[in-house]
Amino acid sequence: MFHMFVLFCLCWRCPTDVFGDSVSVMEGDSLTLNTDLTEIPEDEDILWKYGAEKSFIAQISKAAGIFSTSDVPDERFRDRLKLDDQTGSLTITNIRTEHTGVYQLLISGAKRSSKTFSVSVYAHLPTPYITRDCSSSSSSSNCSLVCSSVLNVCDATLSWYKGISVLSSISVCDLSISRSLPLEVEYQDKNTYSCVLNNPISNQTTHLDINTLCHTCSVPPVSVSLIVLISAGSLMIVAGFWIFWICREHRKTDSEGKNNCF
C-alpha cells in the first residue's frame, strides 16, 4: 500500500494545498466548479473526481493530448458535464439532487494543488396550503387549521409563524403519516399568521386569511345521515296516518263490518 501511494505521489507530485468550498444550488440550475486558473500551463494536468469512491469524471492533459469527461457507473452525469478547455473548470448542467456530493480537483505540475467542493442540490419547493379542520377544536370560539405540503423530503421544514415568530415547525420527512402541521386561533384574532415551507436556500409562504377560512363548517356526513333518517321516519308516519284514514273511511261504508281492516 505504501509503494502504491509513493507511485501516485511521483505521478501527481502530491498536491500540497488543500481548500474546501461548500456550494448550494437549486435543482435544474447549472453549476460551475472553478479551478481559479486563467489558462492551463502546458506542463500541468487536471483531474476531477466525484463521490466517496473518487470516480474519475473529467481529465485534461495538454502534453498527452487528453481532454475528456466520463460518467460514473449509474450514469447520473450523462450529457451533463462540460469541461472548459482553457481553465479546466467543470460545469454540471441541469443539475439534480442525485448530484449532491463531494467533488475533488487535482492539479499536478509546476502548480500543485488539491481542492474539494461540497455540493448540495435542493429540490424546488411547492407552496404549502392551509385548510380548515372541522373535526377538532378545543372551544366554540376557536378555529382549527392545518397547513400541509405535498413534498416529503428531509431537507425541508414546515412551520407556522405568528408575525416573525415561529410557533411550531417540523421537518417534512418526519411527517410519515400526514404531512401537515395544526394550528388553533380565535375567530377574532387580529394577528398575522403564515405557513412556511423552507430549505437552506429557498422558501415558499402561504398567509392565513382568518375571515375566509374560519367560517362555519359544513354539516359533517354523520349529521347528513341523521337528517335523512329523520326525513324517512316522518314520511313513514305520514304514510301510516294516510292508511289509517283510508281504512276508517272504508269501515264507515261497510255497514255489515265485513272486510274490516282491523
Protein backbone atom coordinates (compact mmCIF):
# COMPACT_ATOMS: atom_id res chain seq x y z
CA MET A 1 0.00 0.00 0.00
CA PHE A 2 2.87 2.37 0.84
CA HIS A 3 4.56 1.75 -2.52
CA MET A 4 1.29 2.47 -4.36
CA PHE A 5 0.98 5.79 -2.51
CA VAL A 6 4.58 6.72 -3.38
CA LEU A 7 3.92 5.90 -7.04
CA PHE A 8 0.80 8.12 -7.03
CA CYS A 9 2.81 10.95 -5.50
CA LEU A 10 5.51 10.64 -8.10
CA CYS A 11 2.94 10.78 -10.89
CA TRP A 12 0.95 13.65 -9.43
CA ARG A 13 3.72 15.28 -7.35
CA CYS A 14 1.49 15.08 -4.28
CA PRO A 15 -0.67 18.24 -4.02
CA THR A 16 0.30 20.32 -1.03
CA ASP A 17 -2.54 22.86 -0.89
CA VAL A 18 -5.98 21.74 0.27
CA PHE A 19 -9.01 24.04 0.15
CA GLY A 20 -12.71 23.39 0.67
CA ASP A 21 -15.82 25.14 -0.67
CA SER A 22 -19.47 24.47 0.17
CA VAL A 23 -21.89 25.17 -2.65
CA SER A 24 -25.71 25.08 -2.57
CA VAL A 25 -27.82 25.20 -5.73
CA MET A 26 -31.39 24.63 -6.85
CA GLU A 27 -32.30 21.61 -8.93
CA GLY A 28 -32.28 22.44 -12.65
CA ASP A 29 -29.54 25.09 -12.39
CA SER A 30 -26.08 24.89 -13.96
CA LEU A 31 -23.14 24.77 -11.55
CA THR A 32 -19.55 25.63 -12.47
CA LEU A 33 -16.72 24.42 -10.23
CA ASN A 34 -13.78 26.75 -10.88
CA THR A 35 -10.10 25.83 -10.95
CA ASP A 36 -9.15 29.51 -10.43
CA LEU A 37 -6.81 29.19 -13.41
CA THR A 38 -6.87 31.69 -16.27
CA GLU A 39 -5.13 29.19 -18.53
CA ILE A 40 -3.82 25.66 -18.15
CA PRO A 41 0.00 25.55 -18.43
CA GLU A 42 1.45 23.02 -20.85
CA ASP A 43 3.14 21.08 -18.07
CA GLU A 44 0.09 20.79 -15.80
CA ASP A 45 -2.59 18.10 -15.72
CA ILE A 46 -6.10 18.45 -14.31
CA LEU A 47 -8.23 15.67 -12.88
CA TRP A 48 -11.76 15.85 -11.48
CA LYS A 49 -13.15 13.17 -9.13
CA TYR A 50 -16.59 12.63 -7.60
CA GLY A 51 -18.04 10.95 -4.51
CA ALA A 52 -16.69 8.73 -1.77
CA GLU A 53 -15.47 6.31 -4.45
CA LYS A 54 -13.46 9.17 -6.07
CA SER A 55 -14.68 8.22 -9.52
CA PHE A 56 -12.88 9.97 -12.39
CA ILE A 57 -15.32 12.27 -14.22
CA ALA A 58 -13.02 14.66 -16.16
CA GLN A 59 -9.37 14.94 -17.18
CA ILE A 60 -7.12 17.35 -19.10
CA SER A 61 -3.50 16.67 -20.05
CA LYS A 62 -2.15 19.01 -22.70
CA ALA A 63 1.10 17.10 -23.00
CA ALA A 64 -0.70 13.80 -23.63
CA GLY A 65 -3.45 15.39 -25.71
CA ILE A 66 -6.17 14.27 -23.28
CA PHE A 67 -9.37 16.28 -22.90
CA SER A 68 -12.31 14.19 -21.74
CA THR A 69 -15.27 13.70 -19.40
CA SER A 70 -16.63 10.38 -18.21
CA ASP A 71 -19.69 9.19 -16.32
CA VAL A 72 -20.00 7.21 -13.10
CA PRO A 73 -21.40 3.63 -13.19
CA ASP A 74 -25.03 4.71 -12.56
CA GLU A 75 -24.81 7.27 -15.41
CA ARG A 76 -26.11 10.15 -13.32
CA PHE A 77 -23.91 12.61 -15.23
CA ARG A 78 -24.98 11.57 -18.72
CA ASP A 79 -24.76 14.58 -21.11
CA ARG A 80 -24.35 16.95 -18.16
CA LEU A 81 -20.59 17.51 -17.80
CA LYS A 82 -18.88 20.37 -19.65
CA LEU A 83 -15.13 20.97 -19.37
CA ASP A 84 -13.55 24.35 -20.10
CA ASP A 85 -10.55 23.70 -22.31
CA GLN A 86 -8.86 26.96 -21.27
CA THR A 87 -9.29 26.94 -17.48
CA GLY A 88 -10.18 23.32 -16.73
CA SER A 89 -13.30 24.41 -14.80
CA LEU A 90 -16.09 21.82 -14.67
CA THR A 91 -19.76 22.69 -15.32
CA ILE A 92 -22.69 20.44 -14.42
CA THR A 93 -25.78 21.37 -16.44
CA ASN A 94 -29.40 20.74 -15.38
CA ILE A 95 -28.15 19.58 -12.01
CA ARG A 96 -30.31 17.18 -9.97
CA THR A 97 -30.47 16.20 -6.30
CA GLU A 98 -28.56 12.97 -7.04
CA HIS A 99 -25.55 15.11 -7.96
CA THR A 100 -25.15 16.16 -4.33
CA GLY A 101 -21.73 15.13 -3.00
CA VAL A 102 -18.03 15.92 -2.86
CA TYR A 103 -16.10 16.90 -5.98
CA GLN A 104 -12.30 16.89 -5.89
CA LEU A 105 -9.96 18.83 -8.19
CA LEU A 106 -6.35 17.68 -8.56
CA ILE A 107 -3.78 19.83 -10.37
CA SER A 108 -0.30 18.44 -11.00
CA GLY A 109 2.75 20.12 -12.48
CA ALA A 110 4.54 23.31 -11.52
CA LYS A 111 1.47 24.45 -9.62
CA ARG A 112 0.40 21.58 -7.45
CA SER A 113 -2.91 21.81 -5.62
CA SER A 114 -5.97 19.93 -4.49
CA LYS A 115 -9.37 21.46 -3.92
CA THR A 116 -12.68 19.98 -2.77
CA PHE A 117 -16.23 21.21 -3.36
CA SER A 118 -19.06 20.02 -1.13
CA VAL A 119 -22.15 20.42 -3.32
CA SER A 120 -25.74 20.35 -2.03
CA VAL A 121 -28.60 20.33 -4.54
CA TYR A 122 -32.11 21.19 -3.33
CA ALA A 123 -35.43 20.46 -4.98
CA HIS A 124 -37.84 23.27 -5.86
CA LEU A 125 -40.38 23.73 -3.08
CA PRO A 126 -44.14 23.73 -3.66
CA THR A 127 -46.36 26.33 -1.99
CA PRO A 128 -47.90 24.97 1.24
CA TYR A 129 -51.69 25.12 1.57
CA ILE A 130 -53.93 25.87 4.57
CA THR A 131 -57.28 24.17 5.24
CA ARG A 132 -59.91 24.35 7.97
CA ASP A 133 -60.10 21.32 10.27
CA CYS A 134 -63.75 20.93 11.25
CA SER A 135 -63.14 17.69 13.15
CA SER A 136 -61.25 19.25 16.08
CA SER A 137 -61.49 22.41 18.15
CA SER A 138 -60.92 22.99 21.85
CA SER A 139 -63.54 25.75 22.02
CA SER A 140 -66.50 27.06 20.03
CA SER A 141 -64.70 30.41 19.81
CA ASN A 142 -61.59 28.84 18.24
CA CYS A 143 -60.79 27.91 14.67
CA SER A 144 -58.71 24.79 13.95
CA LEU A 145 -56.44 24.94 10.90
CA VAL A 146 -53.96 22.65 9.18
CA CYS A 147 -51.02 23.60 6.97
CA SER A 148 -49.88 20.87 4.59
CA SER A 149 -47.24 20.20 1.98
CA VAL A 150 -47.17 17.72 -0.88
CA LEU A 151 -43.38 17.44 -0.62
CA ASN A 152 -41.81 14.83 1.65
CA VAL A 153 -38.05 15.41 1.83
CA CYS A 154 -35.73 15.59 4.82
CA ASP A 155 -34.05 18.87 3.90
CA ALA A 156 -37.26 20.93 4.10
CA THR A 157 -39.07 22.30 7.16
CA LEU A 158 -42.77 23.14 7.54
CA SER A 159 -43.51 25.94 10.06
CA TRP A 160 -46.30 28.13 11.42
CA TYR A 161 -45.37 31.78 12.01
CA LYS A 162 -47.12 34.42 14.09
CA GLY A 163 -45.72 37.60 12.66
CA ILE A 164 -41.98 36.87 12.52
CA SER A 165 -42.01 34.40 15.43
CA VAL A 166 -42.03 30.64 14.89
CA LEU A 167 -44.95 28.96 16.66
CA SER A 168 -44.22 25.37 15.62
CA SER A 169 -42.22 23.54 13.00
CA ILE A 170 -41.38 20.06 11.85
CA SER A 171 -39.06 18.51 9.31
CA VAL A 172 -41.24 17.31 6.44
CA CYS A 173 -39.52 13.92 6.32
CA ASP A 174 -40.79 13.29 9.88
CA LEU A 175 -44.39 13.55 8.69
CA SER A 176 -44.73 9.91 7.66
CA ILE A 177 -48.48 9.75 8.32
CA SER A 178 -49.72 13.23 7.42
CA ARG A 179 -47.52 15.94 6.00
CA SER A 180 -49.29 18.65 7.98
CA LEU A 181 -48.98 21.00 10.94
CA PRO A 182 -52.01 22.06 13.05
CA LEU A 183 -52.81 25.49 14.46
CA GLU A 184 -55.71 26.81 16.55
CA VAL A 185 -56.64 30.50 16.59
CA GLU A 186 -59.55 32.55 17.87
CA TYR A 187 -62.12 33.76 15.37
CA GLN A 188 -61.49 37.37 16.38
CA ASP A 189 -57.68 37.06 16.31
CA LYS A 190 -56.13 40.07 14.57
CA ASN A 191 -52.55 38.73 14.42
CA THR A 192 -50.81 37.80 11.18
CA TYR A 193 -50.22 34.08 10.63
CA SER A 194 -48.39 32.31 7.83
CA CYS A 195 -47.28 28.81 6.92
CA VAL A 196 -43.77 28.45 5.51
CA LEU A 197 -42.02 25.58 3.76
CA ASN A 198 -38.28 26.20 3.55
CA ASN A 199 -34.90 24.64 2.92
CA PRO A 200 -31.45 26.23 3.36
CA ILE A 201 -31.66 28.28 0.14
CA SER A 202 -35.35 28.94 -0.59
CA ASN A 203 -38.83 29.15 0.94
CA GLN A 204 -42.50 29.20 -0.01
CA THR A 205 -45.08 31.05 2.12
CA THR A 206 -48.87 30.97 2.39
CA HIS A 207 -50.56 33.66 4.51
CA LEU A 208 -53.61 32.85 6.61
CA ASP A 209 -56.86 34.72 5.95
CA ILE A 210 -58.88 34.06 9.10
CA ASN A 211 -62.04 35.71 7.76
CA THR A 212 -62.05 33.44 4.72
CA LEU A 213 -61.11 30.11 6.26
CA CYS A 214 -62.60 30.40 9.74
CA HIS A 215 -66.26 30.31 8.74
CA THR A 216 -68.91 27.86 9.97
CA CYS A 217 -68.03 24.35 8.92
CA SER A 218 -70.31 22.47 6.58
CA VAL A 219 -72.59 19.83 8.06
CA PRO A 220 -70.49 16.72 8.61
CA PRO A 221 -71.54 13.43 6.96
CA VAL A 222 -72.90 11.96 10.23
CA SER A 223 -75.34 14.88 10.56
CA VAL A 224 -76.47 14.45 6.97
CA SER A 225 -77.23 10.79 7.69
CA LEU A 226 -79.23 11.78 10.74
CA ILE A 227 -81.28 14.25 8.69
CA VAL A 228 -82.01 11.53 6.12
CA LEU A 229 -83.18 9.15 8.85
CA ILE A 230 -85.47 11.79 10.38
CA SER A 231 -86.96 12.60 6.98
CA ALA A 232 -87.59 8.93 6.25
CA GLY A 233 -89.23 8.48 9.64
CA SER A 234 -91.51 11.46 9.03
CA LEU A 235 -92.60 10.03 5.69
CA MET A 236 -93.42 6.69 7.33
CA ILE A 237 -95.57 8.43 9.96
CA VAL A 238 -97.47 10.37 7.29
CA ALA A 239 -97.99 7.16 5.30
CA GLY A 240 -99.29 5.42 8.42
CA PHE A 241 -101.84 8.17 9.07
CA TRP A 242 -102.95 8.03 5.43
CA ILE A 243 -103.52 4.25 5.57
CA PHE A 244 -105.41 4.63 8.85
CA TRP A 245 -107.68 7.28 7.33
CA ILE A 246 -108.45 5.09 4.27
CA CYS A 247 -109.26 2.11 6.48
CA ARG A 248 -111.53 4.25 8.71
CA GLU A 249 -113.42 5.58 5.70
CA HIS A 250 -113.76 2.08 4.31
CA ARG A 251 -115.13 0.87 7.67
CA LYS A 252 -117.77 3.58 7.69
CA THR A 253 -119.08 2.46 4.30
CA ASP A 254 -119.13 -1.21 5.24
CA SER A 255 -122.47 -1.44 7.08
CA GLU A 256 -122.07 -5.14 7.87
CA GLY A 257 -118.49 -4.85 9.17
CA LYS A 258 -117.21 -7.23 6.51
CA ASN A 259 -113.66 -6.79 5.20
CA ASN A 260 -112.84 -4.64 8.22
CA CYS A 261 -109.19 -3.71 8.22
CA PHE A 262 -108.86 -4.21 11.99
